[in-house]
Amino acid sequence: MNDAPERRSSSDDTREHILAAAALVFGERGFAGGTTDAIAKSAGVSQAYVVRLFGSKQELFLAVIERAYARITDTFRDGIAHFDGTEDIVSRTDALGEAYVTLIKDRGILLSLMHAFTLGHDAHVGPVVRQRFLEIYRVVRDEAGVDADTATRFMASGMFINTLMALRIADVVDAEPDARELLTCVWGDSTEAVVALTANAPTAPESVRR
């Protein structure tokens, strides 16, 4: 019996587990502060295993970013898969927005990308981030079938939402009426659901956040 597929599946699962842990650690601590040791502890594996699998912290960070962008594009494509060409602009952007909401529960994806955006000057990270960002723009514009202005406004709203997520503004909606007003302007009737998703979003273990 050939157990190679099973080994590959196990290896893929472990790689995904480490990438998910790395996304949370990089999301909390940034590229400079996110160490392979902290990521290994968060993933429950040895630091040597992380290095053997990814080579370097930079390569691991790039893998995290590629994973994040792939998750976003896949989510958008799933959200518009039912389009038959008869949808108006509002229906198209609403479908994209509803798809984006599902990403909120994966805090590591959005926050690791926020850190990646600040590394546009980096010779290794910058080209990857720019290319993937433009790919998302093309998915929104071309595959969802909206004009450039609408795609740009949608992307701008997404960046604003990322900022709100990074701020954890949902944490203070009960104490700060303006915070609730702000979120309601963004999410409308979905505000409470978004607040709940944010509250339940996983974070890096306390032991690796310091």
N, C-alpha and C. Protein backbone atom coordinates (compact mmCIF):
# COMPACT_ATOMS: atom_id res chain seq x y z
N MET A 1 0.85 -1.21 0.00
CA MET A 1 0.00 0.00 0.00
C MET A 1 0.88 1.25 0.00
N ASN A 2 0.56 2.20 -0.87
CA ASN A 2 1.34 3.42 -0.97
C ASN A 2 0.78 4.47 -0.03
N ASP A 3 1.58 4.84 0.98
CA ASP A 3 1.10 5.82 1.95
C ASP A 3 1.64 7.20 1.66
N ALA A 4 2.23 7.42 0.46
CA ALA A 4 2.77 8.73 0.11
C ALA A 4 1.70 9.82 0.10
N PRO A 5 0.50 9.59 -0.49
CA PRO A 5 -0.54 10.63 -0.44
C PRO A 5 -0.91 11.02 0.97
N GLU A 6 -0.95 10.03 1.88
CA GLU A 6 -1.29 10.34 3.27
C GLU A 6 -0.21 11.21 3.91
N ARG A 7 1.07 10.89 3.60
CA ARG A 7 2.16 11.68 4.15
C ARG A 7 2.10 13.10 3.61
N ARG A 8 1.80 13.23 2.30
CA ARG A 8 1.71 14.56 1.71
C ARG A 8 0.59 15.35 2.35
N SER A 9 -0.54 14.69 2.58
CA SER A 9 -1.68 15.36 3.22
C SER A 9 -1.31 15.84 4.61
N SER A 10 -0.61 14.99 5.36
CA SER A 10 -0.19 15.37 6.71
C SER A 10 0.78 16.53 6.66
N SER A 11 1.71 16.50 5.70
CA SER A 11 2.68 17.58 5.55
C SER A 11 1.99 18.88 5.16
N ASP A 12 1.02 18.79 4.25
CA ASP A 12 0.27 19.98 3.83
C ASP A 12 -0.51 20.56 5.01
N ASP A 13 -1.11 19.70 5.81
CA ASP A 13 -1.87 20.16 6.98
C ASP A 13 -0.95 20.87 7.96
N THR A 14 0.25 20.31 8.18
CA THR A 14 1.20 20.93 9.10
C THR A 14 1.66 22.27 8.57
N ARG A 15 1.92 22.34 7.27
CA ARG A 15 2.34 23.60 6.66
C ARG A 15 1.25 24.66 6.83
N GLU A 16 0.01 24.28 6.57
CA GLU A 16 -1.11 25.22 6.73
C GLU A 16 -1.25 25.66 8.18
N HIS A 17 -1.06 24.74 9.10
CA HIS A 17 -1.15 25.06 10.53
C HIS A 17 -0.08 26.08 10.91
N ILE A 18 1.13 25.90 10.41
CA ILE A 18 2.21 26.84 10.70
C ILE A 18 1.94 28.19 10.06
N LEU A 19 1.43 28.20 8.83
CA LEU A 19 1.11 29.47 8.16
C LEU A 19 0.02 30.23 8.90
N ALA A 20 -0.98 29.52 9.39
CA ALA A 20 -2.04 30.17 10.16
C ALA A 20 -1.48 30.77 11.44
N ALA A 21 -0.61 30.04 12.12
CA ALA A 21 0.02 30.56 13.34
C ALA A 21 0.91 31.74 13.01
N ALA A 22 1.66 31.65 11.92
CA ALA A 22 2.55 32.74 11.52
C ALA A 22 1.77 34.00 11.17
N ALA A 23 0.61 33.83 10.52
CA ALA A 23 -0.21 34.99 10.18
C ALA A 23 -0.65 35.74 11.43
N LEU A 24 -1.02 35.00 12.47
CA LEU A 24 -1.42 35.64 13.72
C LEU A 24 -0.24 36.34 14.40
N VAL A 25 0.91 35.68 14.43
CA VAL A 25 2.08 36.27 15.08
C VAL A 25 2.56 37.50 14.31
N PHE A 26 2.69 37.38 12.99
CA PHE A 26 3.08 38.54 12.20
C PHE A 26 2.02 39.63 12.29
N GLY A 27 0.77 39.24 12.33
CA GLY A 27 -0.30 40.22 12.45
C GLY A 27 -0.24 40.99 13.74
N GLU A 28 0.14 40.32 14.83
CA GLU A 28 0.23 40.97 16.14
C GLU A 28 1.54 41.75 16.31
N ARG A 29 2.65 41.21 15.76
CA ARG A 29 3.96 41.76 16.06
C ARG A 29 4.69 42.36 14.87
N GLY A 30 4.14 42.21 13.67
CA GLY A 30 4.82 42.72 12.49
C GLY A 30 5.94 41.79 12.05
N PHE A 31 6.56 42.15 10.91
CA PHE A 31 7.64 41.31 10.40
C PHE A 31 8.85 41.34 11.32
N ALA A 32 9.23 42.52 11.77
CA ALA A 32 10.42 42.64 12.62
C ALA A 32 10.23 41.92 13.95
N GLY A 33 9.05 42.05 14.53
CA GLY A 33 8.82 41.47 15.86
C GLY A 33 8.40 40.01 15.84
N GLY A 34 7.94 39.53 14.70
CA GLY A 34 7.50 38.14 14.62
C GLY A 34 8.67 37.21 14.37
N THR A 35 9.07 36.47 15.36
CA THR A 35 10.23 35.58 15.24
C THR A 35 9.79 34.16 14.89
N THR A 36 10.70 33.41 14.30
CA THR A 36 10.39 32.01 14.00
C THR A 36 10.20 31.21 15.29
N ASP A 37 10.86 31.64 16.36
CA ASP A 37 10.68 30.96 17.64
C ASP A 37 9.25 31.15 18.15
N ALA A 38 8.75 32.40 18.08
CA ALA A 38 7.38 32.67 18.53
C ALA A 38 6.37 31.93 17.67
N ILE A 39 6.63 31.89 16.38
CA ILE A 39 5.72 31.19 15.46
C ILE A 39 5.72 29.69 15.75
N ALA A 40 6.89 29.14 15.99
CA ALA A 40 6.99 27.72 16.31
C ALA A 40 6.23 27.39 17.59
N LYS A 41 6.38 28.24 18.60
CA LYS A 41 5.66 28.02 19.86
C LYS A 41 4.16 28.09 19.64
N SER A 42 3.72 29.06 18.85
CA SER A 42 2.29 29.21 18.59
C SER A 42 1.74 28.01 17.83
N ALA A 43 2.55 27.46 16.93
CA ALA A 43 2.11 26.32 16.12
C ALA A 43 2.31 24.98 16.83
N GLY A 44 3.07 25.01 17.93
CA GLY A 44 3.32 23.76 18.66
C GLY A 44 4.32 22.85 17.98
N VAL A 45 5.27 23.46 17.25
CA VAL A 45 6.33 22.68 16.60
C VAL A 45 7.67 23.28 16.98
N SER A 46 8.74 22.64 16.57
CA SER A 46 10.07 23.16 16.89
C SER A 46 10.46 24.27 15.93
N GLN A 47 11.30 25.19 16.41
CA GLN A 47 11.80 26.25 15.54
C GLN A 47 12.58 25.66 14.37
N ALA A 48 13.33 24.61 14.64
CA ALA A 48 14.12 23.97 13.58
C ALA A 48 13.22 23.45 12.47
N TYR A 49 12.05 22.95 12.84
CA TYR A 49 11.12 22.43 11.83
C TYR A 49 10.58 23.57 10.96
N VAL A 50 10.28 24.70 11.59
CA VAL A 50 9.79 25.87 10.83
C VAL A 50 10.85 26.32 9.83
N VAL A 51 12.09 26.42 10.29
CA VAL A 51 13.18 26.85 9.42
C VAL A 51 13.41 25.83 8.30
N ARG A 52 13.35 24.55 8.63
CA ARG A 52 13.55 23.52 7.62
C ARG A 52 12.46 23.56 6.55
N LEU A 53 11.25 23.89 6.97
CA LEU A 53 10.11 23.89 6.05
C LEU A 53 10.10 25.13 5.16
N PHE A 54 10.47 26.29 5.72
CA PHE A 54 10.33 27.55 4.98
C PHE A 54 11.66 28.21 4.64
N GLY A 55 12.73 27.82 5.28
CA GLY A 55 14.04 28.35 4.94
C GLY A 55 14.47 29.55 5.76
N SER A 56 13.67 30.59 5.78
CA SER A 56 14.01 31.81 6.52
C SER A 56 12.73 32.52 6.95
N LYS A 57 12.89 33.47 7.85
CA LYS A 57 11.71 34.23 8.29
C LYS A 57 11.11 35.01 7.12
N GLN A 58 11.95 35.54 6.26
CA GLN A 58 11.44 36.29 5.12
C GLN A 58 10.62 35.40 4.19
N GLU A 59 11.11 34.20 3.93
CA GLU A 59 10.37 33.28 3.07
C GLU A 59 9.05 32.87 3.73
N LEU A 60 9.08 32.71 5.03
CA LEU A 60 7.84 32.38 5.76
C LEU A 60 6.85 33.53 5.67
N PHE A 61 7.34 34.76 5.82
CA PHE A 61 6.46 35.93 5.73
C PHE A 61 5.85 36.02 4.33
N LEU A 62 6.67 35.79 3.31
CA LEU A 62 6.15 35.82 1.94
C LEU A 62 5.10 34.74 1.72
N ALA A 63 5.32 33.57 2.31
CA ALA A 63 4.33 32.49 2.19
C ALA A 63 3.03 32.88 2.88
N VAL A 64 3.13 33.57 4.01
CA VAL A 64 1.94 34.06 4.72
C VAL A 64 1.17 35.05 3.85
N ILE A 65 1.90 35.94 3.19
CA ILE A 65 1.27 36.95 2.35
C ILE A 65 0.61 36.30 1.13
N GLU A 66 1.30 35.37 0.51
CA GLU A 66 0.72 34.67 -0.64
C GLU A 66 -0.55 33.93 -0.22
N ARG A 67 -0.52 33.30 0.94
CA ARG A 67 -1.69 32.60 1.46
C ARG A 67 -2.85 33.57 1.69
N ALA A 68 -2.54 34.74 2.24
CA ALA A 68 -3.58 35.72 2.53
C ALA A 68 -4.24 36.21 1.24
N TYR A 69 -3.43 36.54 0.25
CA TYR A 69 -4.00 37.02 -1.01
C TYR A 69 -4.79 35.92 -1.72
N ALA A 70 -4.29 34.69 -1.65
CA ALA A 70 -5.03 33.58 -2.26
C ALA A 70 -6.38 33.40 -1.59
N ARG A 71 -6.40 33.55 -0.27
CA ARG A 71 -7.66 33.40 0.47
C ARG A 71 -8.66 34.49 0.05
N ILE A 72 -8.16 35.71 -0.11
CA ILE A 72 -9.04 36.82 -0.50
C ILE A 72 -9.59 36.60 -1.91
N THR A 73 -8.72 36.29 -2.86
CA THR A 73 -9.20 36.10 -4.23
C THR A 73 -10.15 34.90 -4.33
N ASP A 74 -9.84 33.83 -3.63
CA ASP A 74 -10.74 32.66 -3.64
C ASP A 74 -12.09 33.01 -3.04
N THR A 75 -12.07 33.79 -1.95
CA THR A 75 -13.32 34.19 -1.29
C THR A 75 -14.16 35.07 -2.21
N PHE A 76 -13.52 36.01 -2.88
CA PHE A 76 -14.25 36.87 -3.82
C PHE A 76 -14.83 36.04 -4.97
N ARG A 77 -14.04 35.14 -5.49
CA ARG A 77 -14.52 34.32 -6.62
C ARG A 77 -15.68 33.43 -6.21
N ASP A 78 -15.60 32.90 -5.00
CA ASP A 78 -16.73 32.10 -4.51
C ASP A 78 -17.98 32.96 -4.36
N GLY A 79 -17.77 34.22 -3.93
CA GLY A 79 -18.90 35.12 -3.71
C GLY A 79 -19.61 35.55 -4.98
N ILE A 80 -18.89 35.52 -6.11
CA ILE A 80 -19.50 35.96 -7.37
C ILE A 80 -19.72 34.80 -8.34
N ALA A 81 -19.50 33.59 -7.87
CA ALA A 81 -19.60 32.42 -8.76
C ALA A 81 -21.00 32.25 -9.34
N HIS A 82 -22.00 32.76 -8.63
CA HIS A 82 -23.38 32.58 -9.09
C HIS A 82 -23.81 33.65 -10.09
N PHE A 83 -22.97 34.63 -10.37
CA PHE A 83 -23.36 35.70 -11.29
C PHE A 83 -23.69 35.12 -12.67
N ASP A 84 -24.76 35.67 -13.27
CA ASP A 84 -25.14 35.23 -14.62
C ASP A 84 -25.11 36.38 -15.63
N GLY A 85 -24.60 37.54 -15.19
CA GLY A 85 -24.49 38.68 -16.08
C GLY A 85 -25.64 39.65 -16.01
N THR A 86 -26.68 39.33 -15.25
CA THR A 86 -27.84 40.22 -15.15
C THR A 86 -27.79 41.12 -13.92
N GLU A 87 -26.78 40.94 -13.07
CA GLU A 87 -26.72 41.69 -11.81
C GLU A 87 -26.38 43.16 -12.07
N ASP A 88 -26.99 44.04 -11.27
CA ASP A 88 -26.61 45.45 -11.35
C ASP A 88 -25.38 45.69 -10.47
N ILE A 89 -24.88 46.93 -10.52
CA ILE A 89 -23.64 47.26 -9.80
C ILE A 89 -23.79 47.03 -8.30
N VAL A 90 -24.93 47.42 -7.74
CA VAL A 90 -25.14 47.27 -6.30
C VAL A 90 -25.10 45.79 -5.91
N SER A 91 -25.74 44.96 -6.69
CA SER A 91 -25.75 43.52 -6.40
C SER A 91 -24.34 42.95 -6.47
N ARG A 92 -23.56 43.43 -7.40
CA ARG A 92 -22.20 42.93 -7.57
C ARG A 92 -21.31 43.32 -6.38
N THR A 93 -21.37 44.58 -6.00
CA THR A 93 -20.53 45.01 -4.87
C THR A 93 -21.04 44.45 -3.55
N ASP A 94 -22.35 44.28 -3.43
CA ASP A 94 -22.89 43.66 -2.21
C ASP A 94 -22.38 42.23 -2.06
N ALA A 95 -22.33 41.50 -3.16
CA ALA A 95 -21.84 40.11 -3.11
C ALA A 95 -20.38 40.07 -2.70
N LEU A 96 -19.59 41.00 -3.21
CA LEU A 96 -18.19 41.08 -2.82
C LEU A 96 -18.05 41.45 -1.36
N GLY A 97 -18.87 42.41 -0.91
CA GLY A 97 -18.82 42.83 0.49
C GLY A 97 -19.20 41.71 1.44
N GLU A 98 -20.22 40.96 1.08
CA GLU A 98 -20.64 39.83 1.93
C GLU A 98 -19.54 38.77 1.99
N ALA A 99 -18.85 38.59 0.88
CA ALA A 99 -17.74 37.63 0.86
C ALA A 99 -16.61 38.11 1.77
N TYR A 100 -16.36 39.41 1.74
CA TYR A 100 -15.27 39.97 2.54
C TYR A 100 -15.53 39.82 4.04
N VAL A 101 -16.79 39.89 4.42
CA VAL A 101 -17.14 39.75 5.84
C VAL A 101 -16.64 38.42 6.39
N THR A 102 -16.68 37.39 5.57
CA THR A 102 -16.26 36.07 6.06
C THR A 102 -14.78 36.03 6.41
N LEU A 103 -14.01 36.98 5.90
CA LEU A 103 -12.57 37.01 6.19
C LEU A 103 -12.26 37.63 7.54
N ILE A 104 -13.23 38.33 8.11
CA ILE A 104 -12.98 39.03 9.37
C ILE A 104 -12.62 38.07 10.49
N LYS A 105 -13.20 36.87 10.44
CA LYS A 105 -12.93 35.91 11.50
C LYS A 105 -11.50 35.39 11.46
N ASP A 106 -10.80 35.63 10.34
CA ASP A 106 -9.38 35.26 10.25
C ASP A 106 -8.54 36.52 10.38
N ARG A 107 -8.37 36.95 11.62
CA ARG A 107 -7.68 38.20 11.91
C ARG A 107 -6.25 38.21 11.36
N GLY A 108 -5.62 37.05 11.37
CA GLY A 108 -4.24 36.98 10.90
C GLY A 108 -4.08 37.40 9.46
N ILE A 109 -5.05 37.04 8.62
CA ILE A 109 -4.97 37.39 7.20
C ILE A 109 -4.94 38.90 7.01
N LEU A 110 -5.90 39.59 7.59
CA LEU A 110 -6.02 41.03 7.38
C LEU A 110 -4.87 41.79 8.02
N LEU A 111 -4.48 41.40 9.23
CA LEU A 111 -3.43 42.15 9.92
C LEU A 111 -2.05 41.89 9.33
N SER A 112 -1.79 40.67 8.90
CA SER A 112 -0.49 40.41 8.28
C SER A 112 -0.36 41.20 6.98
N LEU A 113 -1.46 41.36 6.25
CA LEU A 113 -1.42 42.18 5.05
C LEU A 113 -1.19 43.65 5.38
N MET A 114 -1.77 44.14 6.46
CA MET A 114 -1.54 45.52 6.86
C MET A 114 -0.05 45.77 7.09
N HIS A 115 0.61 44.82 7.74
CA HIS A 115 2.06 44.95 7.94
C HIS A 115 2.81 44.86 6.62
N ALA A 116 2.35 43.99 5.74
CA ALA A 116 3.02 43.84 4.44
C ALA A 116 2.95 45.12 3.63
N PHE A 117 1.84 45.85 3.73
CA PHE A 117 1.69 47.09 2.99
C PHE A 117 2.76 48.11 3.37
N THR A 118 3.21 48.07 4.62
CA THR A 118 4.24 49.03 5.07
C THR A 118 5.62 48.64 4.57
N LEU A 119 5.74 47.48 3.93
CA LEU A 119 7.03 47.02 3.42
C LEU A 119 7.10 47.14 1.90
N GLY A 120 6.34 48.07 1.35
CA GLY A 120 6.38 48.28 -0.08
C GLY A 120 7.76 48.66 -0.58
N HIS A 121 8.59 49.23 0.30
CA HIS A 121 9.94 49.62 -0.07
C HIS A 121 10.90 48.44 -0.13
N ASP A 122 10.51 47.32 0.48
CA ASP A 122 11.40 46.17 0.58
C ASP A 122 11.56 45.49 -0.78
N ALA A 123 12.81 45.16 -1.12
CA ALA A 123 13.10 44.61 -2.44
C ALA A 123 12.45 43.25 -2.67
N HIS A 124 12.18 42.52 -1.60
CA HIS A 124 11.59 41.19 -1.74
C HIS A 124 10.08 41.20 -1.53
N VAL A 125 9.64 41.91 -0.51
CA VAL A 125 8.22 41.93 -0.17
C VAL A 125 7.44 42.87 -1.09
N GLY A 126 8.00 44.03 -1.38
CA GLY A 126 7.30 45.04 -2.16
C GLY A 126 6.72 44.55 -3.48
N PRO A 127 7.53 43.90 -4.34
CA PRO A 127 6.99 43.44 -5.62
C PRO A 127 5.84 42.44 -5.47
N VAL A 128 5.95 41.56 -4.49
CA VAL A 128 4.89 40.57 -4.26
C VAL A 128 3.60 41.25 -3.84
N VAL A 129 3.69 42.16 -2.88
CA VAL A 129 2.51 42.84 -2.36
C VAL A 129 1.84 43.66 -3.45
N ARG A 130 2.63 44.38 -4.24
CA ARG A 130 2.05 45.20 -5.31
C ARG A 130 1.35 44.34 -6.35
N GLN A 131 2.01 43.27 -6.77
CA GLN A 131 1.42 42.41 -7.80
C GLN A 131 0.13 41.77 -7.32
N ARG A 132 0.13 41.27 -6.10
CA ARG A 132 -1.07 40.61 -5.57
C ARG A 132 -2.20 41.61 -5.34
N PHE A 133 -1.86 42.82 -4.90
CA PHE A 133 -2.89 43.85 -4.70
C PHE A 133 -3.57 44.16 -6.03
N LEU A 134 -2.77 44.29 -7.09
CA LEU A 134 -3.34 44.56 -8.41
C LEU A 134 -4.17 43.39 -8.91
N GLU A 135 -3.80 42.18 -8.54
CA GLU A 135 -4.59 41.01 -8.93
C GLU A 135 -5.98 41.05 -8.29
N ILE A 136 -6.03 41.46 -7.02
CA ILE A 136 -7.33 41.59 -6.37
C ILE A 136 -8.16 42.67 -7.06
N TYR A 137 -7.51 43.78 -7.40
CA TYR A 137 -8.21 44.85 -8.12
C TYR A 137 -8.80 44.31 -9.42
N ARG A 138 -8.04 43.50 -10.13
CA ARG A 138 -8.53 42.95 -11.40
C ARG A 138 -9.67 41.96 -11.19
N VAL A 139 -9.62 41.20 -10.11
CA VAL A 139 -10.73 40.30 -9.80
C VAL A 139 -12.01 41.11 -9.58
N VAL A 140 -11.88 42.19 -8.79
CA VAL A 140 -13.04 43.03 -8.50
C VAL A 140 -13.55 43.71 -9.76
N ARG A 141 -12.64 44.28 -10.53
CA ARG A 141 -13.06 45.02 -11.73
C ARG A 141 -13.53 44.11 -12.85
N ASP A 142 -12.73 43.12 -13.19
CA ASP A 142 -13.00 42.32 -14.38
C ASP A 142 -13.91 41.12 -14.12
N GLU A 143 -13.62 40.37 -13.06
CA GLU A 143 -14.40 39.16 -12.82
C GLU A 143 -15.76 39.46 -12.18
N ALA A 144 -15.78 40.47 -11.31
CA ALA A 144 -17.08 40.87 -10.75
C ALA A 144 -17.85 41.76 -11.72
N GLY A 145 -17.12 42.33 -12.69
CA GLY A 145 -17.78 43.09 -13.75
C GLY A 145 -18.24 44.47 -13.35
N VAL A 146 -17.37 45.21 -12.64
CA VAL A 146 -17.71 46.59 -12.29
C VAL A 146 -16.71 47.52 -12.97
N ASP A 147 -17.07 48.81 -13.03
CA ASP A 147 -16.16 49.77 -13.66
C ASP A 147 -15.02 50.12 -12.72
N ALA A 148 -14.02 50.81 -13.25
CA ALA A 148 -12.82 51.13 -12.48
C ALA A 148 -13.12 51.98 -11.26
N ASP A 149 -14.02 52.96 -11.39
CA ASP A 149 -14.36 53.82 -10.25
C ASP A 149 -15.00 53.00 -9.13
N THR A 150 -15.91 52.12 -9.49
CA THR A 150 -16.58 51.29 -8.48
C THR A 150 -15.58 50.35 -7.82
N ALA A 151 -14.70 49.75 -8.62
CA ALA A 151 -13.68 48.85 -8.08
C ALA A 151 -12.76 49.60 -7.12
N THR A 152 -12.40 50.82 -7.48
CA THR A 152 -11.52 51.62 -6.63
C THR A 152 -12.19 51.96 -5.30
N ARG A 153 -13.46 52.35 -5.36
CA ARG A 153 -14.18 52.67 -4.12
C ARG A 153 -14.32 51.43 -3.25
N PHE A 154 -14.56 50.29 -3.88
CA PHE A 154 -14.68 49.05 -3.11
C PHE A 154 -13.35 48.72 -2.42
N MET A 155 -12.26 48.86 -3.14
CA MET A 155 -10.94 48.59 -2.56
C MET A 155 -10.65 49.57 -1.43
N ALA A 156 -11.03 50.83 -1.61
CA ALA A 156 -10.81 51.82 -0.56
C ALA A 156 -11.61 51.48 0.69
N SER A 157 -12.84 51.03 0.50
CA SER A 157 -13.65 50.62 1.64
C SER A 157 -13.01 49.43 2.36
N GLY A 158 -12.45 48.52 1.58
CA GLY A 158 -11.78 47.37 2.18
C GLY A 158 -10.60 47.77 3.03
N MET A 159 -9.83 48.74 2.56
CA MET A 159 -8.68 49.22 3.34
C MET A 159 -9.15 49.90 4.62
N PHE A 160 -10.26 50.63 4.54
CA PHE A 160 -10.81 51.28 5.73
C PHE A 160 -11.27 50.22 6.73
N ILE A 161 -11.91 49.18 6.23
CA ILE A 161 -12.35 48.09 7.10
C ILE A 161 -11.16 47.42 7.76
N ASN A 162 -10.09 47.20 7.01
CA ASN A 162 -8.87 46.62 7.59
C ASN A 162 -8.35 47.47 8.74
N THR A 163 -8.41 48.80 8.55
CA THR A 163 -7.95 49.70 9.61
C THR A 163 -8.82 49.56 10.85
N LEU A 164 -10.12 49.49 10.67
CA LEU A 164 -11.03 49.31 11.81
C LEU A 164 -10.76 47.99 12.52
N MET A 165 -10.47 46.95 11.74
CA MET A 165 -10.16 45.65 12.34
C MET A 165 -8.86 45.71 13.13
N ALA A 166 -7.85 46.39 12.57
CA ALA A 166 -6.57 46.52 13.25
C ALA A 166 -6.72 47.30 14.56
N LEU A 167 -7.58 48.31 14.54
CA LEU A 167 -7.84 49.11 15.74
C LEU A 167 -8.67 48.36 16.77
N ARG A 168 -9.32 47.28 16.35
CA ARG A 168 -10.28 46.56 17.19
C ARG A 168 -11.35 47.54 17.71
N ILE A 169 -11.82 48.37 16.81
CA ILE A 169 -12.81 49.39 17.17
C ILE A 169 -14.09 48.73 17.69
N ALA A 170 -14.35 47.50 17.25
CA ALA A 170 -15.55 46.80 17.71
C ALA A 170 -15.50 46.50 19.20
N ASP A 171 -14.30 46.51 19.79
CA ASP A 171 -14.17 46.21 21.22
C ASP A 171 -14.82 47.28 22.10
N VAL A 172 -15.01 48.49 21.54
CA VAL A 172 -15.50 49.59 22.38
C VAL A 172 -16.88 50.08 21.96
N VAL A 173 -17.61 49.28 21.19
CA VAL A 173 -18.91 49.75 20.70
C VAL A 173 -19.91 49.98 21.83
N ASP A 174 -19.78 49.26 22.93
CA ASP A 174 -20.71 49.45 24.05
C ASP A 174 -20.37 50.68 24.87
N ALA A 175 -19.10 51.02 24.94
CA ALA A 175 -18.67 52.17 25.73
C ALA A 175 -18.61 53.45 24.92
N GLU A 176 -18.44 53.33 23.60
CA GLU A 176 -18.27 54.50 22.74
C GLU A 176 -19.37 54.52 21.67
N PRO A 177 -20.40 55.34 21.84
CA PRO A 177 -21.47 55.42 20.83
C PRO A 177 -20.95 55.76 19.44
N ASP A 178 -19.91 56.59 19.38
CA ASP A 178 -19.37 56.97 18.07
C ASP A 178 -18.74 55.77 17.36
N ALA A 179 -18.20 54.85 18.13
CA ALA A 179 -17.63 53.64 17.52
C ALA A 179 -18.74 52.81 16.89
N ARG A 180 -19.85 52.68 17.60
CA ARG A 180 -20.98 51.93 17.03
C ARG A 180 -21.54 52.65 15.80
N GLU A 181 -21.62 53.98 15.87
CA GLU A 181 -22.11 54.74 14.72
C GLU A 181 -21.22 54.52 13.51
N LEU A 182 -19.91 54.55 13.75
CA LEU A 182 -18.95 54.35 12.66
C LEU A 182 -19.11 52.98 12.02
N LEU A 183 -19.21 51.95 12.85
CA LEU A 183 -19.37 50.60 12.32
C LEU A 183 -20.71 50.43 11.61
N THR A 184 -21.74 51.07 12.14
CA THR A 184 -23.07 50.96 11.52
C THR A 184 -23.07 51.61 10.13
N CYS A 185 -22.34 52.72 10.00
CA CYS A 185 -22.23 53.37 8.69
C CYS A 185 -21.54 52.46 7.67
N VAL A 186 -20.63 51.63 8.17
CA VAL A 186 -19.90 50.72 7.28
C VAL A 186 -20.70 49.46 6.99
N TRP A 187 -21.28 48.85 8.05
CA TRP A 187 -21.87 47.53 7.93
C TRP A 187 -23.39 47.50 7.94
N GLY A 188 -24.04 48.58 8.33
CA GLY A 188 -25.50 48.60 8.33
C GLY A 188 -26.10 47.52 9.22
N ASP A 189 -27.03 46.75 8.66
CA ASP A 189 -27.72 45.72 9.43
C ASP A 189 -26.81 44.57 9.86
N SER A 190 -25.62 44.49 9.28
CA SER A 190 -24.69 43.41 9.62
C SER A 190 -23.76 43.76 10.77
N THR A 191 -23.95 44.96 11.36
CA THR A 191 -23.01 45.43 12.38
C THR A 191 -22.85 44.46 13.54
N GLU A 192 -23.94 43.99 14.10
CA GLU A 192 -23.85 43.10 15.27
C GLU A 192 -23.14 41.80 14.92
N ALA A 193 -23.40 41.30 13.73
CA ALA A 193 -22.73 40.07 13.30
C ALA A 193 -21.23 40.29 13.15
N VAL A 194 -20.85 41.46 12.63
CA VAL A 194 -19.43 41.78 12.48
C VAL A 194 -18.76 41.94 13.83
N VAL A 195 -19.45 42.60 14.76
CA VAL A 195 -18.91 42.76 16.12
C VAL A 195 -18.67 41.39 16.75
N ALA A 196 -19.61 40.49 16.57
CA ALA A 196 -19.47 39.14 17.13
C ALA A 196 -18.32 38.39 16.48
N LEU A 197 -18.18 38.53 15.16
CA LEU A 197 -17.07 37.87 14.47
C LEU A 197 -15.73 38.40 14.97
N THR A 198 -15.66 39.71 15.16
CA THR A 198 -14.42 40.32 15.63
C THR A 198 -14.07 39.85 17.03
N ALA A 199 -15.08 39.77 17.89
CA ALA A 199 -14.85 39.35 19.27
C ALA A 199 -14.35 37.91 19.33
N ASN A 200 -14.80 37.09 18.39
CA ASN A 200 -14.45 35.68 18.40
C ASN A 200 -13.24 35.35 17.52
N ALA A 201 -12.68 36.37 16.87
CA ALA A 201 -11.54 36.12 15.99
C ALA A 201 -10.33 35.68 16.81
N PRO A 202 -9.63 34.65 16.37
CA PRO A 202 -8.47 34.17 17.13
C PRO A 202 -7.34 35.17 17.13
N THR A 203 -6.56 35.17 18.19
CA THR A 203 -5.37 35.99 18.30
C THR A 203 -4.19 35.09 18.63
N ALA A 204 -3.00 35.63 18.50
CA ALA A 204 -1.82 34.85 18.86
C ALA A 204 -1.84 34.59 20.36
N PRO A 205 -1.32 33.44 20.80
CA PRO A 205 -1.28 33.15 22.24
C PRO A 205 -0.55 34.24 23.00
N GLU A 206 -0.99 34.51 24.21
CA GLU A 206 -0.39 35.57 25.02
C GLU A 206 1.10 35.36 25.19
N SER A 207 1.53 34.11 25.25
CA SER A 207 2.95 33.81 25.48
C SER A 207 3.85 34.27 24.35
N VAL A 208 3.29 34.47 23.15
CA VAL A 208 4.13 34.91 22.03
C VAL A 208 3.80 36.34 21.60
N ARG A 209 2.93 37.01 22.32
CA ARG A 209 2.55 38.38 21.96
C ARG A 209 3.42 39.42 22.62
N ARG A 210 4.16 39.02 23.63
CA ARG A 210 4.99 39.98 24.36
C ARG A 210 6.31 40.19 23.65
